[in-house]
């Protein structure tokens, strides 16, 4: 009689998805990581442009409404 609760463990050397470790996966993964790096760089540049725009807008509003010049002028 076979005990269904205790099944033999798979060997650690057997990959669950052997095609993921094939020769085509490394270049594909590297390209995917490079695309993510480029996307992150673009988002960071976009955030810096917004910070510069709104920083200047804040300085102008303080100079106008508070009656003083911005500190960094």
N, C-alpha and C. Protein backbone atom coordinates (compact mmCIF):
# COMPACT_ATOMS: atom_id res chain seq x y z
N UNK A 1 0.84 -1.17 0.00
CA UNK A 1 0.00 0.00 0.00
C UNK A 1 0.89 1.24 0.00
N UNK A 2 0.52 2.24 -0.81
CA UNK A 2 1.31 3.45 -0.96
C UNK A 2 0.76 4.51 -0.02
N UNK A 3 1.67 5.12 0.72
CA UNK A 3 1.27 6.19 1.62
C UNK A 3 1.30 7.51 0.84
N UNK A 4 0.14 8.15 0.65
CA UNK A 4 0.07 9.36 -0.17
C UNK A 4 0.59 10.59 0.56
N UNK A 5 0.74 10.53 1.87
CA UNK A 5 1.20 11.70 2.62
C UNK A 5 2.71 11.86 2.49
N UNK A 6 3.44 10.79 2.58
CA UNK A 6 4.90 10.90 2.49
C UNK A 6 5.35 10.54 1.09
N UNK A 7 5.59 11.56 0.30
CA UNK A 7 6.07 11.35 -1.06
C UNK A 7 7.56 11.64 -1.09
N UNK A 8 8.30 10.99 -1.93
CA UNK A 8 9.74 11.25 -1.98
C UNK A 8 10.00 12.66 -2.50
N UNK A 9 10.95 13.32 -1.89
CA UNK A 9 11.30 14.69 -2.28
C UNK A 9 12.03 14.69 -3.61
N UNK A 10 11.79 15.74 -4.38
CA UNK A 10 12.48 15.85 -5.66
C UNK A 10 13.94 16.19 -5.41
N UNK A 11 14.76 15.74 -6.29
CA UNK A 11 16.19 16.02 -6.12
C UNK A 11 16.43 17.51 -6.35
N UNK A 12 17.33 18.14 -5.58
CA UNK A 12 17.55 19.59 -5.72
C UNK A 12 18.17 19.98 -7.06
N UNK A 13 18.77 19.04 -7.75
CA UNK A 13 19.38 19.38 -9.03
C UNK A 13 18.35 19.46 -10.16
N UNK A 14 17.17 18.91 -9.94
CA UNK A 14 16.14 18.93 -10.98
C UNK A 14 15.41 20.26 -10.93
N UNK A 15 15.51 21.03 -11.99
CA UNK A 15 14.83 22.32 -12.07
C UNK A 15 13.37 22.09 -12.42
N UNK A 16 12.45 22.85 -11.81
CA UNK A 16 11.04 22.65 -12.11
C UNK A 16 10.68 23.03 -13.55
N UNK A 17 11.37 24.00 -14.09
CA UNK A 17 11.14 24.43 -15.46
C UNK A 17 12.48 24.41 -16.20
N UNK A 18 12.84 23.32 -16.80
CA UNK A 18 14.17 23.23 -17.40
C UNK A 18 14.39 24.20 -18.55
N UNK A 19 13.31 24.65 -19.23
CA UNK A 19 13.50 25.58 -20.34
C UNK A 19 13.95 26.96 -19.87
N UNK A 20 13.64 27.31 -18.62
CA UNK A 20 14.06 28.61 -18.12
C UNK A 20 15.57 28.69 -17.97
N UNK A 21 16.22 27.56 -17.83
CA UNK A 21 17.67 27.57 -17.65
C UNK A 21 18.39 27.23 -18.94
N UNK A 22 17.66 27.16 -20.02
CA UNK A 22 18.29 26.85 -21.31
C UNK A 22 19.12 28.04 -21.78
N UNK A 23 19.84 27.85 -22.85
CA UNK A 23 20.74 28.88 -23.35
C UNK A 23 20.06 30.16 -23.80
N UNK A 24 18.80 30.12 -24.18
CA UNK A 24 18.13 31.32 -24.66
C UNK A 24 17.67 32.21 -23.52
N UNK A 25 17.60 31.72 -22.29
CA UNK A 25 17.03 32.49 -21.19
C UNK A 25 17.96 33.60 -20.72
N UNK A 26 19.25 33.38 -20.72
CA UNK A 26 20.17 34.39 -20.21
C UNK A 26 20.15 35.68 -21.04
N UNK A 27 20.25 35.63 -22.36
CA UNK A 27 20.16 36.88 -23.13
C UNK A 27 18.80 37.55 -23.01
N UNK A 28 17.74 36.75 -22.94
CA UNK A 28 16.39 37.31 -22.79
C UNK A 28 16.28 38.04 -21.45
N UNK A 29 16.76 37.42 -20.39
CA UNK A 29 16.70 38.04 -19.06
C UNK A 29 17.56 39.29 -19.02
N UNK A 30 18.71 39.27 -19.65
CA UNK A 30 19.58 40.45 -19.67
C UNK A 30 18.91 41.60 -20.41
N UNK A 31 18.25 41.30 -21.52
CA UNK A 31 17.52 42.34 -22.25
C UNK A 31 16.38 42.91 -21.43
N UNK A 32 15.68 42.06 -20.70
CA UNK A 32 14.58 42.50 -19.85
C UNK A 32 15.10 43.39 -18.73
N UNK A 33 16.21 43.01 -18.12
CA UNK A 33 16.78 43.83 -17.07
C UNK A 33 17.28 45.17 -17.60
N UNK A 34 17.84 45.18 -18.79
CA UNK A 34 18.30 46.44 -19.39
C UNK A 34 17.11 47.35 -19.69
N UNK A 35 16.00 46.79 -20.13
CA UNK A 35 14.81 47.59 -20.38
C UNK A 35 14.29 48.20 -19.08
N UNK A 36 14.34 47.43 -18.00
CA UNK A 36 13.90 47.96 -16.71
C UNK A 36 14.84 49.06 -16.21
N UNK A 37 16.13 48.90 -16.44
CA UNK A 37 17.09 49.95 -16.05
C UNK A 37 16.81 51.23 -16.83
N UNK A 38 16.56 51.10 -18.13
CA UNK A 38 16.27 52.28 -18.96
C UNK A 38 14.97 52.95 -18.52
N UNK A 39 13.97 52.14 -18.17
CA UNK A 39 12.71 52.69 -17.72
C UNK A 39 12.89 53.43 -16.40
N UNK A 40 13.66 52.88 -15.49
CA UNK A 40 13.91 53.54 -14.21
C UNK A 40 14.66 54.85 -14.41
N UNK A 41 15.63 54.86 -15.30
CA UNK A 41 16.37 56.09 -15.59
C UNK A 41 15.44 57.16 -16.15
N UNK A 42 14.52 56.76 -17.02
CA UNK A 42 13.57 57.71 -17.58
C UNK A 42 12.64 58.28 -16.52
N UNK A 43 12.19 57.45 -15.61
CA UNK A 43 11.30 57.92 -14.54
C UNK A 43 12.04 58.88 -13.62
N UNK A 44 13.29 58.57 -13.32
CA UNK A 44 14.07 59.45 -12.44
C UNK A 44 14.28 60.80 -13.11
N UNK A 45 14.60 60.82 -14.40
CA UNK A 45 14.76 62.10 -15.12
C UNK A 45 13.45 62.88 -15.15
N UNK A 46 12.34 62.19 -15.32
CA UNK A 46 11.03 62.82 -15.34
C UNK A 46 10.73 63.45 -13.99
N UNK A 47 11.05 62.74 -12.90
CA UNK A 47 10.81 63.29 -11.57
C UNK A 47 11.69 64.50 -11.29
N UNK A 48 12.93 64.47 -11.78
CA UNK A 48 13.82 65.63 -11.59
C UNK A 48 13.29 66.85 -12.34
N UNK A 49 12.72 66.64 -13.51
CA UNK A 49 12.18 67.78 -14.25
C UNK A 49 10.98 68.38 -13.53
N UNK A 50 10.12 67.54 -12.96
CA UNK A 50 8.99 68.06 -12.19
C UNK A 50 9.47 68.79 -10.95
N UNK A 51 10.48 68.25 -10.27
CA UNK A 51 10.99 68.89 -9.06
C UNK A 51 11.58 70.26 -9.40
N UNK A 52 12.29 70.37 -10.50
CA UNK A 52 12.86 71.66 -10.90
C UNK A 52 11.77 72.66 -11.25
N UNK A 53 10.74 72.20 -11.97
CA UNK A 53 9.65 73.09 -12.36
C UNK A 53 8.90 73.60 -11.14
N UNK A 54 8.50 72.69 -10.26
CA UNK A 54 7.72 73.10 -9.11
C UNK A 54 8.57 73.83 -8.07
N UNK A 55 9.87 73.57 -8.02
CA UNK A 55 10.74 74.35 -7.15
C UNK A 55 10.79 75.80 -7.58
N UNK A 56 10.91 76.02 -8.88
CA UNK A 56 10.93 77.39 -9.40
C UNK A 56 9.57 78.05 -9.18
N UNK A 57 8.50 77.32 -9.39
CA UNK A 57 7.16 77.86 -9.17
C UNK A 57 6.96 78.23 -7.71
N UNK A 58 7.45 77.40 -6.80
CA UNK A 58 7.35 77.71 -5.37
C UNK A 58 8.15 78.97 -5.03
N UNK A 59 9.35 79.09 -5.55
CA UNK A 59 10.16 80.29 -5.29
C UNK A 59 9.48 81.54 -5.81
N UNK A 60 8.87 81.47 -6.97
CA UNK A 60 8.18 82.64 -7.52
C UNK A 60 6.97 83.02 -6.68
N UNK A 61 6.22 82.02 -6.21
CA UNK A 61 5.04 82.33 -5.40
C UNK A 61 5.44 82.91 -4.04
N UNK A 62 6.52 82.41 -3.46
CA UNK A 62 6.99 82.96 -2.18
C UNK A 62 7.46 84.40 -2.38
N UNK A 63 8.18 84.65 -3.45
CA UNK A 63 8.67 86.00 -3.71
C UNK A 63 7.51 86.97 -3.95
N UNK A 64 6.45 86.48 -4.58
CA UNK A 64 5.32 87.35 -4.88
C UNK A 64 4.43 87.56 -3.66
N UNK A 65 4.01 86.49 -3.02
CA UNK A 65 3.01 86.58 -1.97
C UNK A 65 3.62 86.85 -0.59
N UNK A 66 4.82 86.44 -0.34
CA UNK A 66 5.42 86.66 0.99
C UNK A 66 6.26 87.92 1.02
N UNK A 67 6.47 88.54 -0.11
CA UNK A 67 7.18 89.81 -0.15
C UNK A 67 8.67 89.72 0.01
N UNK A 68 9.26 88.60 -0.34
CA UNK A 68 10.69 88.49 -0.21
C UNK A 68 11.28 87.73 -1.37
N UNK A 69 12.59 87.77 -1.45
CA UNK A 69 13.28 87.04 -2.51
C UNK A 69 13.56 85.61 -2.02
N UNK A 70 13.60 84.67 -2.93
CA UNK A 70 13.97 83.31 -2.52
C UNK A 70 15.38 83.29 -1.94
N UNK A 71 15.62 82.38 -1.04
CA UNK A 71 16.90 82.31 -0.35
C UNK A 71 18.04 81.99 -1.30
N UNK A 72 17.80 81.16 -2.30
CA UNK A 72 18.88 80.71 -3.17
C UNK A 72 19.18 81.68 -4.32
N UNK A 73 18.66 82.88 -4.30
CA UNK A 73 18.93 83.85 -5.38
C UNK A 73 20.17 84.62 -5.06
